[in-house]
């Protein structure tokens, strides 16, 4: 009996590789977004500390220049937070793009695997029919030999 060999196996292997690369890219983009969100959280914590420092400075007697320095620092923190929010938003868009690509490659890979399964089913069915035909011929030959010897 011949063994089954999918004639488009190289294409299937390529599609599987593309799917793996898309999975890797998606995972990497999620990881990057998590890192950027962590940075954003850290910036917000720093800004909260600056706000607390400004409140403390206002309660004490301090120079206007010290207070202005803290306010400028707070404003720079606000700009950094807005910039980081844009970075996180860009990461979210990248995740969506990677997810779309991953979905496409998963569907494509599934399609090629189904094609291979159907091809294999046809191969097995043809083999089964051929074997049954051979068994039928053997049975007929035995019957004819018995009939001619009797």
C-alpha atoms as a PDB file:
ATOM      1  CA  UNK A   1       0.000   0.000   0.000  1.00  0.00           C
ATOM      2  CA  UNK A   2       1.297   3.444  -0.908  1.00  0.00           C
ATOM      3  CA  UNK A   3       1.657   6.006   1.844  1.00  0.00           C
ATOM      4  CA  UNK A   4      -0.164   9.294   1.568  1.00  0.00           C
ATOM      5  CA  UNK A   5       1.862  12.302   0.492  1.00  0.00           C
ATOM      6  CA  UNK A   6       0.196  15.721   0.209  1.00  0.00           C
ATOM      7  CA  UNK A   7       1.351  17.243  -3.076  1.00  0.00           C
ATOM      8  CA  UNK A   8       1.045  20.808  -1.673  1.00  0.00           C
ATOM      9  CA  UNK A   9       2.870  20.113   1.603  1.00  0.00           C
ATOM     10  CA  UNK A  10       5.411  22.890   0.984  1.00  0.00           C
ATOM     11  CA  UNK A  11       2.609  25.433   0.609  1.00  0.00           C
ATOM     12  CA  UNK A  12       1.007  24.139   3.810  1.00  0.00           C
ATOM     13  CA  UNK A  13       4.351  24.398   5.628  1.00  0.00           C
ATOM     14  CA  UNK A  14       4.747  27.975   4.387  1.00  0.00           C
ATOM     15  CA  UNK A  15       1.256  28.893   5.605  1.00  0.00           C
ATOM     16  CA  UNK A  16       1.988  27.352   9.020  1.00  0.00           C
ATOM     17  CA  UNK A  17       5.224  29.353   9.217  1.00  0.00           C
ATOM     18  CA  UNK A  18       3.397  32.563   8.309  1.00  0.00           C
ATOM     19  CA  UNK A  19       0.832  31.828  11.031  1.00  0.00           C
ATOM     20  CA  UNK A  20       3.601  31.266  13.595  1.00  0.00           C
ATOM     21  CA  UNK A  21       5.245  34.554  12.616  1.00  0.00           C
ATOM     22  CA  UNK A  22       1.918  36.374  12.932  1.00  0.00           C
ATOM     23  CA  UNK A  23       1.402  34.813  16.385  1.00  0.00           C
ATOM     24  CA  UNK A  24       4.872  35.933  17.421  1.00  0.00           C
ATOM     25  CA  UNK A  25       4.282  39.493  16.138  1.00  0.00           C
ATOM     26  CA  UNK A  26       0.928  39.658  17.938  1.00  0.00           C
ATOM     27  CA  UNK A  27       2.473  38.486  21.203  1.00  0.00           C
ATOM     28  CA  UNK A  28       5.303  40.981  20.827  1.00  0.00           C
ATOM     29  CA  UNK A  29       2.865  43.852  20.220  1.00  0.00           C
ATOM     30  CA  UNK A  30       0.823  42.901  23.306  1.00  0.00           C
ATOM     31  CA  UNK A  31       4.010  42.747  25.346  1.00  0.00           C
ATOM     32  CA  UNK A  32       5.095  46.180  24.118  1.00  0.00           C
ATOM     33  CA  UNK A  33       1.682  47.662  24.944  1.00  0.00           C
ATOM     34  CA  UNK A  34       1.910  46.254  28.467  1.00  0.00           C
ATOM     35  CA  UNK A  35       5.351  47.818  28.880  1.00  0.00           C
ATOM     36  CA  UNK A  36       4.121  51.185  27.609  1.00  0.00           C
ATOM     37  CA  UNK A  37       1.078  51.047  29.907  1.00  0.00           C
ATOM     38  CA  UNK A  38       3.425  50.349  32.799  1.00  0.00           C
ATOM     39  CA  UNK A  39       5.452  53.448  31.871  1.00  0.00           C
ATOM     40  CA  UNK A  40       2.236  55.480  31.717  1.00  0.00           C
ATOM     41  CA  UNK A  41       1.206  54.246  35.159  1.00  0.00           C
ATOM     42  CA  UNK A  42       4.645  55.175  36.521  1.00  0.00           C
ATOM     43  CA  UNK A  43       4.398  58.684  35.002  1.00  0.00           C
ATOM     44  CA  UNK A  44       0.954  59.169  36.550  1.00  0.00           C
ATOM     45  CA  UNK A  45       2.334  58.103  39.920  1.00  0.00           C
ATOM     46  CA  UNK A  46       5.181  60.612  39.564  1.00  0.00           C
ATOM     47  CA  UNK A  47       2.753  63.347  38.587  1.00  0.00           C
ATOM     48  CA  UNK A  48       0.619  62.567  41.614  1.00  0.00           C
ATOM     49  CA  UNK A  49       3.721  62.938  43.787  1.00  0.00           C
ATOM     50  CA  UNK A  50       4.495  66.295  42.172  1.00  0.00           C
ATOM     51  CA  UNK A  51       0.946  67.467  42.855  1.00  0.00           C
ATOM     52  CA  UNK A  52       1.324  66.449  46.495  1.00  0.00           C
ATOM     53  CA  UNK A  53       4.633  68.333  46.664  1.00  0.00           C
ATOM     54  CA  UNK A  54       3.018  71.474  45.242  1.00  0.00           C
ATOM     55  CA  UNK A  55       0.246  71.276  47.843  1.00  0.00           C
ATOM     56  CA  UNK A  56       2.867  70.873  50.580  1.00  0.00           C
ATOM     57  CA  UNK A  57       4.872  73.829  49.238  1.00  0.00           C
ATOM     58  CA  UNK A  58       1.765  76.017  49.214  1.00  0.00           C
ATOM     59  CA  UNK A  59       1.067  75.180  52.844  1.00  0.00           C
ATOM     60  CA  UNK A  60       4.582  76.220  53.852  1.00  0.00           C
ATOM     61  CA  UNK A  61       6.153  79.519  53.217  1.00  0.00           C
ATOM     62  CA  UNK A  62       8.130  79.145  50.001  1.00  0.00           C
ATOM     63  CA  UNK A  63       9.456  81.353  47.280  1.00  0.00           C
ATOM     64  CA  UNK A  64       7.453  81.984  44.169  1.00  0.00           C
ATOM     65  CA  UNK A  65      10.340  80.691  42.054  1.00  0.00           C
ATOM     66  CA  UNK A  66      10.295  77.324  43.888  1.00  0.00           C
ATOM     67  CA  UNK A  67       6.573  77.065  43.359  1.00  0.00           C
ATOM     68  CA  UNK A  68       6.946  78.008  39.663  1.00  0.00           C
ATOM     69  CA  UNK A  69       9.648  75.335  39.223  1.00  0.00           C
ATOM     70  CA  UNK A  70       7.310  72.709  40.634  1.00  0.00           C
ATOM     71  CA  UNK A  71       4.429  73.889  38.448  1.00  0.00           C
ATOM     72  CA  UNK A  72       6.658  73.787  35.336  1.00  0.00           C
ATOM     73  CA  UNK A  73       7.785  70.295  36.336  1.00  0.00           C
ATOM     74  CA  UNK A  74       4.143  69.281  36.756  1.00  0.00           C
ATOM     75  CA  UNK A  75       3.380  70.664  33.297  1.00  0.00           C
ATOM     76  CA  UNK A  76       6.291  68.741  31.806  1.00  0.00           C
ATOM     77  CA  UNK A  77       4.946  65.607  33.505  1.00  0.00           C
ATOM     78  CA  UNK A  78       1.537  66.322  31.945  1.00  0.00           C
ATOM     79  CA  UNK A  79       3.170  66.567  28.494  1.00  0.00           C
ATOM     80  CA  UNK A  80       5.055  63.317  29.121  1.00  0.00           C
ATOM     81  CA  UNK A  81       1.796  61.625  30.178  1.00  0.00           C
ATOM     82  CA  UNK A  82       0.010  62.826  27.025  1.00  0.00           C
ATOM     83  CA  UNK A  83       2.902  61.642  24.889  1.00  0.00           C
ATOM     84  CA  UNK A  84       2.838  58.258  26.625  1.00  0.00           C
ATOM     85  CA  UNK A  85      -0.931  58.022  26.092  1.00  0.00           C
ATOM     86  CA  UNK A  86      -0.336  58.531  22.351  1.00  0.00           C
ATOM     87  CA  UNK A  87       2.318  55.810  22.470  1.00  0.00           C
ATOM     88  CA  UNK A  88      -0.114  53.419  24.181  1.00  0.00           C
ATOM     89  CA  UNK A  89      -2.762  54.310  21.602  1.00  0.00           C
ATOM     90  CA  UNK A  90      -0.269  53.523  18.823  1.00  0.00           C
ATOM     91  CA  UNK A  91       0.435  50.186  20.501  1.00  0.00           C
ATOM     92  CA  UNK A  92      -3.292  49.425  20.558  1.00  0.00           C
ATOM     93  CA  UNK A  93      -3.495  50.152  16.828  1.00  0.00           C
ATOM     94  CA  UNK A  94      -0.496  47.883  16.236  1.00  0.00           C
ATOM     95  CA  UNK A  95      -2.204  45.114  18.229  1.00  0.00           C
ATOM     96  CA  UNK A  96      -5.339  45.466  16.101  1.00  0.00           C
ATOM     97  CA  UNK A  97      -3.240  45.299  12.926  1.00  0.00           C
ATOM     98  CA  UNK A  98      -1.370  42.234  14.172  1.00  0.00           C
ATOM     99  CA  UNK A  99      -4.605  40.599  15.292  1.00  0.00           C
ATOM    100  CA  UNK A 100      -6.153  41.121  11.860  1.00  0.00           C
ATOM    101  CA  UNK A 101      -3.069  39.648  10.217  1.00  0.00           C
ATOM    102  CA  UNK A 102      -3.063  36.728  12.657  1.00  0.00           C
ATOM    103  CA  UNK A 103      -6.734  36.019  12.017  1.00  0.00           C
ATOM    104  CA  UNK A 104      -6.100  36.016   8.262  1.00  0.00           C
ATOM    105  CA  UNK A 105      -3.153  33.625   8.576  1.00  0.00           C
ATOM    106  CA  UNK A 106      -5.043  31.331  10.954  1.00  0.00           C
ATOM    107  CA  UNK A 107      -7.944  31.099   8.507  1.00  0.00           C
ATOM    108  CA  UNK A 108      -5.582  30.491   5.614  1.00  0.00           C
ATOM    109  CA  UNK A 109      -3.722  27.783   7.535  1.00  0.00           C
ATOM    110  CA  UNK A 110      -7.013  26.154   8.510  1.00  0.00           C
ATOM    111  CA  UNK A 111      -8.120  26.189   4.872  1.00  0.00           C
ATOM    112  CA  UNK A 112      -4.933  24.450   3.714  1.00  0.00           C
ATOM    113  CA  UNK A 113      -5.175  21.887   6.507  1.00  0.00           C
ATOM    114  CA  UNK A 114      -8.770  21.117   5.496  1.00  0.00           C
ATOM    115  CA  UNK A 115      -7.622  20.742   1.902  1.00  0.00           C
ATOM    116  CA  UNK A 116      -4.952  18.282   3.048  1.00  0.00           C
ATOM    117  CA  UNK A 117      -7.497  16.331   5.127  1.00  0.00           C
ATOM    118  CA  UNK A 118      -9.919  16.096   2.208  1.00  0.00           C
ATOM    119  CA  UNK A 119      -7.133  15.022  -0.112  1.00  0.00           C
ATOM    120  CA  UNK A 120      -6.068  12.386   2.401  1.00  0.00           C
ATOM    121  CA  UNK A 121      -9.670  11.169   2.779  1.00  0.00           C
ATOM    122  CA  UNK A 122      -9.936  10.768  -1.005  1.00  0.00           C
ATOM    123  CA  UNK A 123      -6.615   8.898  -1.064  1.00  0.00           C
ATOM    124  CA  UNK A 124      -7.741   6.548   1.725  1.00  0.00           C
ATOM    125  CA  UNK A 125     -11.114   5.942   0.067  1.00  0.00           C
ATOM    126  CA  UNK A 126      -9.447   5.098  -3.254  1.00  0.00           C
ATOM    127  CA  UNK A 127      -7.052   2.744  -1.468  1.00  0.00           C
ATOM    128  CA  UNK A 128      -9.965   1.111   0.312  1.00  0.00           C
ATOM    129  CA  UNK A 129     -11.807   0.629  -2.986  1.00  0.00           C
ATOM    130  CA  UNK A 130      -8.665  -0.786  -4.637  1.00  0.00           C
ATOM    131  CA  UNK A 131      -8.100  -3.212  -1.768  1.00  0.00           C
ATOM    132  CA  UNK A 132     -11.748  -4.258  -1.849  1.00  0.00           C
ATOM    133  CA  UNK A 133     -11.486  -4.843  -5.585  1.00  0.00           C
ATOM    134  CA  UNK A 134      -8.375  -7.009  -5.022  1.00  0.00           C
ATOM    135  CA  UNK A 135     -10.146  -8.960  -2.280  1.00  0.00           C
ATOM    136  CA  UNK A 136     -13.157  -9.433  -4.561  1.00  0.00           C
ATOM    137  CA  UNK A 137     -10.876 -10.757  -7.322  1.00  0.00           C
ATOM    138  CA  UNK A 138      -9.204 -13.149  -4.880  1.00  0.00           C
ATOM    139  CA  UNK A 139     -12.626 -14.346  -3.730  1.00  0.00           C
ATOM    140  CA  UNK A 140     -13.833 -14.821  -7.289  1.00  0.00           C
ATOM    141  CA  UNK A 141     -10.652 -16.727  -8.240  1.00  0.00           C
ATOM    142  CA  UNK A 142     -11.060 -19.023  -5.210  1.00  0.00           C
ATOM    143  CA  UNK A 143     -14.679 -19.620  -6.084  1.00  0.00           C
ATOM    144  CA  UNK A 144     -13.808 -20.403  -9.690  1.00  0.00           C
ATOM    145  CA  UNK A 145     -11.015 -22.789  -8.628  1.00  0.00           C
ATOM    146  CA  UNK A 146     -13.369 -24.609  -6.284  1.00  0.00           C
ATOM    147  CA  UNK A 147     -16.058 -24.730  -8.940  1.00  0.00           C
ATOM    148  CA  UNK A 148     -13.651 -26.175 -11.552  1.00  0.00           C
ATOM    149  CA  UNK A 149     -12.205 -28.746  -9.085  1.00  0.00           C
ATOM    150  CA  UNK A 150     -15.590 -29.992  -8.030  1.00  0.00           C
END
